[in-house]
C-alpha atoms as a PDB file:
ATOM      1  CA  UNK A   1     208.313  94.251 159.614  1.00  0.00           C
ATOM      2  CA  UNK A   2     208.628  97.751 161.080  1.00  0.00           C
ATOM      3  CA  UNK A   3     206.388  99.356 163.738  1.00  0.00           C
ATOM      4  CA  UNK A   4     204.164 101.211 161.261  1.00  0.00           C
ATOM      5  CA  UNK A   5     203.556  98.060 159.245  1.00  0.00           C
ATOM      6  CA  UNK A   6     202.752  96.136 162.432  1.00  0.00           C
ATOM      7  CA  UNK A   7     200.154  98.710 163.494  1.00  0.00           C
ATOM      8  CA  UNK A   8     198.543  98.661 160.046  1.00  0.00           C
ATOM      9  CA  UNK A   9     198.432  94.846 160.110  1.00  0.00           C
ATOM     10  CA  UNK A  10     196.843  94.734 163.609  1.00  0.00           C
ATOM     11  CA  UNK A  11     194.252  97.387 162.708  1.00  0.00           C
ATOM     12  CA  UNK A  12     193.331  95.633 159.469  1.00  0.00           C
ATOM     13  CA  UNK A  13     192.980  92.287 161.229  1.00  0.00           C
ATOM     14  CA  UNK A  14     190.677  93.793 163.887  1.00  0.00           C
ATOM     15  CA  UNK A  15     188.464  95.417 161.242  1.00  0.00           C
ATOM     16  CA  UNK A  16     188.247  92.241 159.169  1.00  0.00           C
ATOM     17  CA  UNK A  17     187.345  90.140 162.187  1.00  0.00           C
ATOM     18  CA  UNK A  18     184.578  92.547 163.213  1.00  0.00           C
ATOM     19  CA  UNK A  19     186.028  93.078 166.701  1.00  0.00           C
ATOM     20  CA  UNK A  20     185.830  96.435 168.451  1.00  0.00           C
ATOM     21  CA  UNK A  21     188.102  97.074 171.393  1.00  0.00           C
ATOM     22  CA  UNK A  22     186.839  99.662 173.884  1.00  0.00           C
ATOM     23  CA  UNK A  23     189.870 101.112 175.578  1.00  0.00           C
ATOM     24  CA  UNK A  24     188.045 103.096 178.257  1.00  0.00           C
ATOM     25  CA  UNK A  25     184.508 101.861 179.067  1.00  0.00           C
ATOM     26  CA  UNK A  26     182.345 103.846 181.472  1.00  0.00           C
ATOM     27  CA  UNK A  27     181.254 102.666 184.916  1.00  0.00           C
ATOM     28  CA  UNK A  28     177.934 103.652 186.505  1.00  0.00           C
ATOM     29  CA  UNK A  29     179.478 103.685 189.962  1.00  0.00           C
ATOM     30  CA  UNK A  30     178.727 107.292 190.951  1.00  0.00           C
ATOM     31  CA  UNK A  31     175.640 107.655 193.168  1.00  0.00           C
ATOM     32  CA  UNK A  32     173.733 110.796 194.053  1.00  0.00           C
ATOM     33  CA  UNK A  33     170.285 111.392 195.518  1.00  0.00           C
ATOM     34  CA  UNK A  34     167.719 114.119 194.918  1.00  0.00           C
ATOM     35  CA  UNK A  35     164.370 114.821 196.550  1.00  0.00           C
ATOM     36  CA  UNK A  36     161.543 116.726 194.866  1.00  0.00           C
ATOM     37  CA  UNK A  37     158.092 117.718 196.092  1.00  0.00           C
ATOM     38  CA  UNK A  38     155.087 119.666 194.885  1.00  0.00           C
ATOM     39  CA  UNK A  39     151.835 120.762 196.522  1.00  0.00           C
ATOM     40  CA  UNK A  40     149.040 118.486 195.254  1.00  0.00           C
ATOM     41  CA  UNK A  41     146.020 119.963 197.042  1.00  0.00           C
ATOM     42  CA  UNK A  42     144.574 121.439 193.824  1.00  0.00           C
ATOM     43  CA  UNK A  43     145.716 118.637 191.509  1.00  0.00           C
ATOM     44  CA  UNK A  44     143.733 115.736 190.069  1.00  0.00           C
ATOM     45  CA  UNK A  45     146.370 113.610 188.324  1.00  0.00           C
ATOM     46  CA  UNK A  46     150.028 112.608 188.145  1.00  0.00           C
ATOM     47  CA  UNK A  47     151.726 111.758 184.836  1.00  0.00           C
ATOM     48  CA  UNK A  48     155.034 109.848 185.093  1.00  0.00           C
ATOM     49  CA  UNK A  49     157.621 109.317 182.353  1.00  0.00           C
ATOM     50  CA  UNK A  50     160.584 107.285 183.546  1.00  0.00           C
ATOM     51  CA  UNK A  51     163.463 105.591 181.785  1.00  0.00           C
ATOM     52  CA  UNK A  52     165.992 103.052 183.040  1.00  0.00           C
ATOM     53  CA  UNK A  53     165.646 102.148 186.713  1.00  0.00           C
ATOM     54  CA  UNK A  54     162.981 100.968 189.135  1.00  0.00           C
ATOM     55  CA  UNK A  55     159.799 102.904 189.863  1.00  0.00           C
ATOM     56  CA  UNK A  56     157.789 102.484 193.093  1.00  0.00           C
ATOM     57  CA  UNK A  57     154.612 104.555 193.474  1.00  0.00           C
ATOM     58  CA  UNK A  58     152.652 104.497 196.736  1.00  0.00           C
ATOM     59  CA  UNK A  59     149.446 106.307 197.531  1.00  0.00           C
ATOM     60  CA  UNK A  60     148.871 107.822 200.962  1.00  0.00           C
ATOM     61  CA  UNK A  61     145.557 108.901 202.472  1.00  0.00           C
ATOM     62  CA  UNK A  62     147.343 111.568 204.526  1.00  0.00           C
ATOM     63  CA  UNK A  63     149.620 113.050 201.842  1.00  0.00           C
ATOM     64  CA  UNK A  64     148.963 116.551 200.523  1.00  0.00           C
ATOM     65  CA  UNK A  65     152.167 116.733 198.462  1.00  0.00           C
ATOM     66  CA  UNK A  66     153.687 114.580 195.762  1.00  0.00           C
ATOM     67  CA  UNK A  67     157.184 113.663 196.925  1.00  0.00           C
ATOM     68  CA  UNK A  68     159.931 112.011 194.884  1.00  0.00           C
ATOM     69  CA  UNK A  69     163.173 110.424 196.076  1.00  0.00           C
ATOM     70  CA  UNK A  70     165.530 109.689 193.190  1.00  0.00           C
ATOM     71  CA  UNK A  71     168.695 107.597 193.458  1.00  0.00           C
ATOM     72  CA  UNK A  72     170.853 108.349 190.432  1.00  0.00           C
ATOM     73  CA  UNK A  73     173.607 105.986 189.277  1.00  0.00           C
ATOM     74  CA  UNK A  74     175.933 107.162 186.519  1.00  0.00           C
ATOM     75  CA  UNK A  75     179.543 107.855 185.619  1.00  0.00           C
ATOM     76  CA  UNK A  76     181.275 110.617 187.563  1.00  0.00           C
ATOM     77  CA  UNK A  77     182.397 112.211 184.296  1.00  0.00           C
ATOM     78  CA  UNK A  78     178.758 112.465 183.171  1.00  0.00           C
ATOM     79  CA  UNK A  79     177.140 113.082 186.539  1.00  0.00           C
ATOM     80  CA  UNK A  80     174.677 115.639 185.127  1.00  0.00           C
ATOM     81  CA  UNK A  81     173.687 113.619 182.066  1.00  0.00           C
ATOM     82  CA  UNK A  82     170.078 113.056 183.160  1.00  0.00           C
ATOM     83  CA  UNK A  83     166.719 114.811 183.376  1.00  0.00           C
ATOM     84  CA  UNK A  84     164.760 114.896 186.629  1.00  0.00           C
ATOM     85  CA  UNK A  85     161.790 117.259 186.860  1.00  0.00           C
ATOM     86  CA  UNK A  86     158.578 117.513 188.864  1.00  0.00           C
ATOM     87  CA  UNK A  87     156.268 120.243 187.554  1.00  0.00           C
ATOM     88  CA  UNK A  88     152.575 121.062 187.447  1.00  0.00           C
ATOM     89  CA  UNK A  89     150.296 122.524 184.805  1.00  0.00           C
ATOM     90  CA  UNK A  90     146.588 123.046 185.294  1.00  0.00           C
ATOM     91  CA  UNK A  91     145.227 120.137 187.328  1.00  0.00           C
ATOM     92  CA  UNK A  92     148.088 117.699 186.609  1.00  0.00           C
ATOM     93  CA  UNK A  93     151.607 117.111 187.913  1.00  0.00           C
ATOM     94  CA  UNK A  94     154.335 115.779 185.612  1.00  0.00           C
ATOM     95  CA  UNK A  95     157.339 113.725 186.687  1.00  0.00           C
ATOM     96  CA  UNK A  96     160.138 113.113 184.163  1.00  0.00           C
ATOM     97  CA  UNK A  97     163.096 110.915 185.160  1.00  0.00           C
ATOM     98  CA  UNK A  98     165.313 109.896 182.240  1.00  0.00           C
ATOM     99  CA  UNK A  99     169.043 109.258 181.908  1.00  0.00           C
ATOM    100  CA  UNK A 100     171.375 108.880 178.933  1.00  0.00           C
ATOM    101  CA  UNK A 101     172.689 105.322 178.860  1.00  0.00           C
ATOM    102  CA  UNK A 102     174.225 105.331 175.378  1.00  0.00           C
ATOM    103  CA  UNK A 103     177.842 104.314 174.923  1.00  0.00           C
ATOM    104  CA  UNK A 104     179.892 101.439 176.339  1.00  0.00           C
ATOM    105  CA  UNK A 105     179.438 100.464 179.991  1.00  0.00           C
ATOM    106  CA  UNK A 106     181.212  97.932 182.149  1.00  0.00           C
ATOM    107  CA  UNK A 107     178.951  96.425 184.798  1.00  0.00           C
ATOM    108  CA  UNK A 108     175.620  98.169 185.423  1.00  0.00           C
ATOM    109  CA  UNK A 109     174.457 100.864 183.008  1.00  0.00           C
ATOM    110  CA  UNK A 110     173.114 104.243 184.227  1.00  0.00           C
ATOM    111  CA  UNK A 111     169.717 104.309 185.899  1.00  0.00           C
ATOM    112  CA  UNK A 112     167.449 106.368 188.151  1.00  0.00           C
ATOM    113  CA  UNK A 113     165.592 104.463 190.881  1.00  0.00           C
ATOM    114  CA  UNK A 114     162.459 106.392 191.821  1.00  0.00           C
ATOM    115  CA  UNK A 115     160.193 106.262 194.884  1.00  0.00           C
ATOM    116  CA  UNK A 116     157.035 108.374 194.686  1.00  0.00           C
ATOM    117  CA  UNK A 117     154.522 109.087 197.438  1.00  0.00           C
ATOM    118  CA  UNK A 118     151.295 110.746 196.306  1.00  0.00           C
ATOM    119  CA  UNK A 119     147.775 111.426 197.579  1.00  0.00           C
ATOM    120  CA  UNK A 120     145.699 108.291 197.021  1.00  0.00           C
ATOM    121  CA  UNK A 121     142.831 110.099 195.302  1.00  0.00           C
ATOM    122  CA  UNK A 122     144.882 111.316 192.323  1.00  0.00           C
ATOM    123  CA  UNK A 123     144.572 109.679 188.922  1.00  0.00           C
ATOM    124  CA  UNK A 124     147.820 108.132 187.704  1.00  0.00           C
ATOM    125  CA  UNK A 125     149.326 107.672 184.257  1.00  0.00           C
ATOM    126  CA  UNK A 126     152.696 105.938 183.906  1.00  0.00           C
ATOM    127  CA  UNK A 127     155.043 105.306 180.974  1.00  0.00           C
ATOM    128  CA  UNK A 128     157.933 103.187 182.235  1.00  0.00           C
ATOM    129  CA  UNK A 129     159.637  99.784 182.364  1.00  0.00           C
ATOM    130  CA  UNK A 130     159.799  98.149 185.808  1.00  0.00           C
ATOM    131  CA  UNK A 131     156.977  99.393 188.052  1.00  0.00           C
ATOM    132  CA  UNK A 132     155.419  98.820 191.462  1.00  0.00           C
ATOM    133  CA  UNK A 133     152.153 100.715 192.140  1.00  0.00           C
ATOM    134  CA  UNK A 134     149.956 100.477 195.238  1.00  0.00           C
ATOM    135  CA  UNK A 135     147.178 102.188 197.216  1.00  0.00           C
ATOM    136  CA  UNK A 136     145.746 104.472 194.511  1.00  0.00           C
ATOM    137  CA  UNK A 137     142.087 105.547 194.460  1.00  0.00           C
ATOM    138  CA  UNK A 138     142.151 107.400 191.134  1.00  0.00           C
ATOM    139  CA  UNK A 139     142.032 105.744 187.714  1.00  0.00           C
ATOM    140  CA  UNK A 140     145.375 104.198 186.707  1.00  0.00           C
ATOM    141  CA  UNK A 141     146.756 103.973 183.149  1.00  0.00           C
ATOM    142  CA  UNK A 142     150.100 102.188 182.684  1.00  0.00           C
ATOM    143  CA  UNK A 143     152.228 101.798 179.528  1.00  0.00           C
ATOM    144  CA  UNK A 144     155.034  99.349 180.251  1.00  0.00           C
ATOM    145  CA  UNK A 145     157.697  98.470 177.681  1.00  0.00           C
ATOM    146  CA  UNK A 146     159.513  95.658 179.445  1.00  0.00           C
ATOM    147  CA  UNK A 147     160.257  94.625 182.994  1.00  0.00           C
ATOM    148  CA  UNK A 148     158.328  93.362 185.974  1.00  0.00           C
ATOM    149  CA  UNK A 149     155.048  95.122 186.765  1.00  0.00           C
ATOM    150  CA  UNK A 150     153.267  94.786 190.131  1.00  0.00           C
ATOM    151  CA  UNK A 151     150.016  96.620 190.919  1.00  0.00           C
ATOM    152  CA  UNK A 152     147.799  96.216 193.984  1.00  0.00           C
ATOM    153  CA  UNK A 153     145.186  98.039 196.056  1.00  0.00           C
ATOM    154  CA  UNK A 154     143.611 100.165 193.297  1.00  0.00           C
ATOM    155  CA  UNK A 155     140.133 101.523 193.973  1.00  0.00           C
ATOM    156  CA  UNK A 156     139.258 102.586 190.436  1.00  0.00           C
ATOM    157  CA  UNK A 157     139.545 101.385 186.843  1.00  0.00           C
ATOM    158  CA  UNK A 158     142.933 100.067 185.721  1.00  0.00           C
ATOM    159  CA  UNK A 159     144.329  99.964 182.170  1.00  0.00           C
ATOM    160  CA  UNK A 160     147.662  98.277 181.355  1.00  0.00           C
ATOM    161  CA  UNK A 161     149.489  98.114 178.023  1.00  0.00           C
ATOM    162  CA  UNK A 162     152.451  95.830 178.633  1.00  0.00           C
ATOM    163  CA  UNK A 163     155.141  94.861 176.139  1.00  0.00           C
ATOM    164  CA  UNK A 164     156.956  92.053 177.918  1.00  0.00           C
ATOM    165  CA  UNK A 165     157.759  90.884 181.417  1.00  0.00           C
ATOM    166  CA  UNK A 166     155.707  89.444 184.252  1.00  0.00           C
ATOM    167  CA  UNK A 167     152.524  91.210 185.358  1.00  0.00           C
ATOM    168  CA  UNK A 168     150.912  90.788 188.798  1.00  0.00           C
ATOM    169  CA  UNK A 169     147.652  92.580 189.693  1.00  0.00           C
ATOM    170  CA  UNK A 170     145.589  92.194 192.857  1.00  0.00           C
ATOM    171  CA  UNK A 171     142.961  93.943 194.988  1.00  0.00           C
ATOM    172  CA  UNK A 172     141.328  96.192 192.406  1.00  0.00           C
ATOM    173  CA  UNK A 173     137.875  97.719 192.865  1.00  0.00           C
ATOM    174  CA  UNK A 174     137.051  98.628 189.282  1.00  0.00           C
ATOM    175  CA  UNK A 175     137.320  97.238 185.768  1.00  0.00           C
ATOM    176  CA  UNK A 176     140.689  95.954 184.549  1.00  0.00           C
ATOM    177  CA  UNK A 177     141.839  96.061 180.923  1.00  0.00           C
ATOM    178  CA  UNK A 178     145.153  94.454 179.900  1.00  0.00           C
ATOM    179  CA  UNK A 179     146.928  94.342 176.542  1.00  0.00           C
ATOM    180  CA  UNK A 180     150.027  92.192 176.910  1.00  0.00           C
ATOM    181  CA  UNK A 181     152.696  91.155 174.434  1.00  0.00           C
ATOM    182  CA  UNK A 182     154.441  88.378 176.334  1.00  0.00           C
ATOM    183  CA  UNK A 183     155.122  87.267 179.881  1.00  0.00           C
ATOM    184  CA  UNK A 184     153.253  85.648 182.743  1.00  0.00           C
ATOM    185  CA  UNK A 185     150.049  87.307 184.018  1.00  0.00           C
ATOM    186  CA  UNK A 186     148.680  86.721 187.531  1.00  0.00           C
ATOM    187  CA  UNK A 187     145.502  88.584 188.448  1.00  0.00           C
ATOM    188  CA  UNK A 188     143.283  88.057 191.486  1.00  0.00           C
ATOM    189  CA  UNK A 189     140.771  89.726 193.792  1.00  0.00           C
ATOM    190  CA  UNK A 190     139.131  91.996 191.221  1.00  0.00           C
ATOM    191  CA  UNK A 191     135.788  93.620 192.091  1.00  0.00           C
ATOM    192  CA  UNK A 192     134.756  94.334 188.509  1.00  0.00           C
ATOM    193  CA  UNK A 193     135.152  93.019 184.963  1.00  0.00           C
ATOM    194  CA  UNK A 194     138.461  91.992 183.408  1.00  0.00           C
ATOM    195  CA  UNK A 195     139.459  92.082 179.734  1.00  0.00           C
ATOM    196  CA  UNK A 196     142.792  90.503 178.768  1.00  0.00           C
ATOM    197  CA  UNK A 197     144.327  90.444 175.269  1.00  0.00           C
ATOM    198  CA  UNK A 198     147.519  88.410 175.554  1.00  0.00           C
ATOM    199  CA  UNK A 199     150.087  87.475 172.908  1.00  0.00           C
ATOM    200  CA  UNK A 200     151.977  84.730 174.712  1.00  0.00           C
ATOM    201  CA  UNK A 201     152.634  83.538 178.242  1.00  0.00           C
ATOM    202  CA  UNK A 202     150.595  81.825 180.925  1.00  0.00           C
ATOM    203  CA  UNK A 203     147.588  83.503 182.574  1.00  0.00           C
ATOM    204  CA  UNK A 204     146.216  82.797 186.062  1.00  0.00           C
ATOM    205  CA  UNK A 205     143.061  84.672 187.115  1.00  0.00           C
ATOM    206  CA  UNK A 206     141.002  84.155 190.266  1.00  0.00           C
ATOM    207  CA  UNK A 207     138.374  85.796 192.478  1.00  0.00           C
ATOM    208  CA  UNK A 208     136.735  88.005 189.819  1.00  0.00           C
ATOM    209  CA  UNK A 209     133.340  89.462 190.776  1.00  0.00           C
ATOM    210  CA  UNK A 210     132.295  90.428 187.229  1.00  0.00           C
ATOM    211  CA  UNK A 211     132.728  89.026 183.725  1.00  0.00           C
ATOM    212  CA  UNK A 212     136.101  87.892 182.397  1.00  0.00           C
ATOM    213  CA  UNK A 213     137.173  87.966 178.739  1.00  0.00           C
ATOM    214  CA  UNK A 214     140.405  86.354 177.534  1.00  0.00           C
ATOM    215  CA  UNK A 215     141.886  86.567 174.048  1.00  0.00           C
ATOM    216  CA  UNK A 216     145.001  84.453 174.308  1.00  0.00           C
ATOM    217  CA  UNK A 217     147.540  83.708 171.576  1.00  0.00           C
ATOM    218  CA  UNK A 218     149.542  80.990 173.295  1.00  0.00           C
ATOM    219  CA  UNK A 219     150.193  79.760 176.820  1.00  0.00           C
ATOM    220  CA  UNK A 220     148.169  77.977 179.492  1.00  0.00           C
ATOM    221  CA  UNK A 221     145.057  79.688 180.881  1.00  0.00           C
ATOM    222  CA  UNK A 222     143.855  78.927 184.425  1.00  0.00           C
ATOM    223  CA  UNK A 223     140.715  80.620 185.792  1.00  0.00           C
ATOM    224  CA  UNK A 224     139.146  80.210 189.242  1.00  0.00           C
ATOM    225  CA  UNK A 225     136.100  81.719 190.980  1.00  0.00           C
ATOM    226  CA  UNK A 226     134.530  84.100 188.464  1.00  0.00           C
ATOM    227  CA  UNK A 227     131.024  85.262 189.421  1.00  0.00           C
ATOM    228  CA  UNK A 228     130.150  86.420 185.906  1.00  0.00           C
ATOM    229  CA  UNK A 229     130.547  84.914 182.449  1.00  0.00           C
ATOM    230  CA  UNK A 230     133.964  83.807 181.162  1.00  0.00           C
ATOM    231  CA  UNK A 231     134.592  84.300 177.438  1.00  0.00           C
ATOM    232  CA  UNK A 232     137.684  82.690 175.888  1.00  0.00           C
ATOM    233  CA  UNK A 233     139.244  82.984 172.430  1.00  0.00           C
ATOM    234  CA  UNK A 234     142.339  80.812 172.627  1.00  0.00           C
ATOM    235  CA  UNK A 235     145.101  80.012 170.141  1.00  0.00           C
ATOM    236  CA  UNK A 236     147.083  77.291 171.886  1.00  0.00           C
ATOM    237  CA  UNK A 237     147.718  76.033 175.400  1.00  0.00           C
ATOM    238  CA  UNK A 238     145.724  74.254 178.098  1.00  0.00           C
ATOM    239  CA  UNK A 239     142.475  75.779 179.404  1.00  0.00           C
ATOM    240  CA  UNK A 240     141.473  75.060 183.018  1.00  0.00           C
ATOM    241  CA  UNK A 241     138.268  76.670 184.359  1.00  0.00           C
ATOM    242  CA  UNK A 242     136.692  76.048 187.765  1.00  0.00           C
ATOM    243  CA  UNK A 243     133.767  77.898 189.387  1.00  0.00           C
ATOM    244  CA  UNK A 244     132.180  80.331 186.949  1.00  0.00           C
ATOM    245  CA  UNK A 245     128.791  81.967 186.426  1.00  0.00           C
ATOM    246  CA  UNK A 246     128.892  80.995 182.750  1.00  0.00           C
ATOM    247  CA  UNK A 247     131.363  79.958 180.060  1.00  0.00           C
ATOM    248  CA  UNK A 248     131.781  80.665 176.348  1.00  0.00           C
ATOM    249  CA  UNK A 249     134.793  79.253 174.532  1.00  0.00           C
ATOM    250  CA  UNK A 250     134.659  80.876 171.114  1.00  0.00           C
ATOM    251  CA  UNK A 251     137.748  79.116 169.827  1.00  0.00           C
ATOM    252  CA  UNK A 252     140.253  76.665 171.248  1.00  0.00           C
ATOM    253  CA  UNK A 253     143.119  75.923 168.910  1.00  0.00           C
ATOM    254  CA  UNK A 254     145.178  73.248 170.651  1.00  0.00           C
ATOM    255  CA  UNK A 255     145.805  72.053 174.174  1.00  0.00           C
ATOM    256  CA  UNK A 256     143.891  70.311 176.929  1.00  0.00           C
ATOM    257  CA  UNK A 257     140.529  71.473 178.295  1.00  0.00           C
ATOM    258  CA  UNK A 258     139.231  71.076 181.873  1.00  0.00           C
ATOM    259  CA  UNK A 259     135.962  72.650 183.007  1.00  0.00           C
ATOM    260  CA  UNK A 260     134.315  72.244 186.430  1.00  0.00           C
ATOM    261  CA  UNK A 261     131.494  73.902 188.416  1.00  0.00           C
ATOM    262  CA  UNK A 262     129.968  76.220 185.797  1.00  0.00           C
ATOM    263  CA  UNK A 263     126.562  77.462 186.995  1.00  0.00           C
ATOM    264  CA  UNK A 264     125.096  79.272 183.993  1.00  0.00           C
ATOM    265  CA  UNK A 265     125.258  78.847 180.236  1.00  0.00           C
ATOM    266  CA  UNK A 266     127.974  76.629 178.818  1.00  0.00           C
ATOM    267  CA  UNK A 267     129.026  77.080 175.192  1.00  0.00           C
ATOM    268  CA  UNK A 268     132.138  75.611 173.591  1.00  0.00           C
ATOM    269  CA  UNK A 269     133.222  75.899 169.958  1.00  0.00           C
ATOM    270  CA  UNK A 270     136.365  73.822 169.383  1.00  0.00           C
ATOM    271  CA  UNK A 271     138.521  74.456 166.344  1.00  0.00           C
ATOM    272  CA  UNK A 272     138.576  71.215 164.381  1.00  0.00           C
ATOM    273  CA  UNK A 273     140.818  70.352 161.462  1.00  0.00           C
ATOM    274  CA  UNK A 274     139.675  67.410 159.327  1.00  0.00           C
ATOM    275  CA  UNK A 275     142.276  64.728 158.673  1.00  0.00           C
ATOM    276  CA  UNK A 276     143.983  64.647 155.296  1.00  0.00           C
ATOM    277  CA  UNK A 277     142.583  62.020 152.928  1.00  0.00           C
ATOM    278  CA  UNK A 278     144.732  58.931 152.559  1.00  0.00           C
ATOM    279  CA  UNK A 279     145.916  57.698 149.208  1.00  0.00           C
END
């Protein structure tokens, strides 16, 4: 067999086996840093769109500017293959931090790690993956695809639409609304009402001053110290409630049920399936 025939044979074998050999994969081992800032004295809101990478947003009572520190990790050959902008229009500021991560990568893929400091009074809207938000006095609206999400010290209403990943919320003065696909939810110290629509994953909620509504597909639900009325529509998983102003269980599909120290009205409707008749 000559060289040409050998090459044809090797290529054909690789195609038939479904294997793809990447001769020169990229490495996200080139790091650069940029800092951006904008005067926020006339602004009322910050809108953030971020792609791959971590996002940490901190409010400051003393800040008059929005400042951004971005750590960019990519391939040296594509060092400018990202978008990082901080602009304002009308009463809002807009932060865009996205990077092209298509192609074949060995080790870590490209990302932009972002740290934002902003005046606490601004409203905040975020569309991102892995997020840490704290010390914000304006209303907060978060759309999270996947990744860990941690939010604390919010003195206004909070809305979260979360695809997957763990979600931890604490110290909110305002109403909290959560739509969650999957992942663990831990929520505590809420001075207001909470409304949670969860697909799957465990939920732990405690120290809620208002009413609490849970629509839960699957996963254990544990609730402690709710001053108002708890309303539960549950598909499957254990339900454990202790210390509540009232309780309504509209539906409980399967799983154990423990209820203790309910002061007000107590209403439970258990889903019951009659046994099949025997021959």
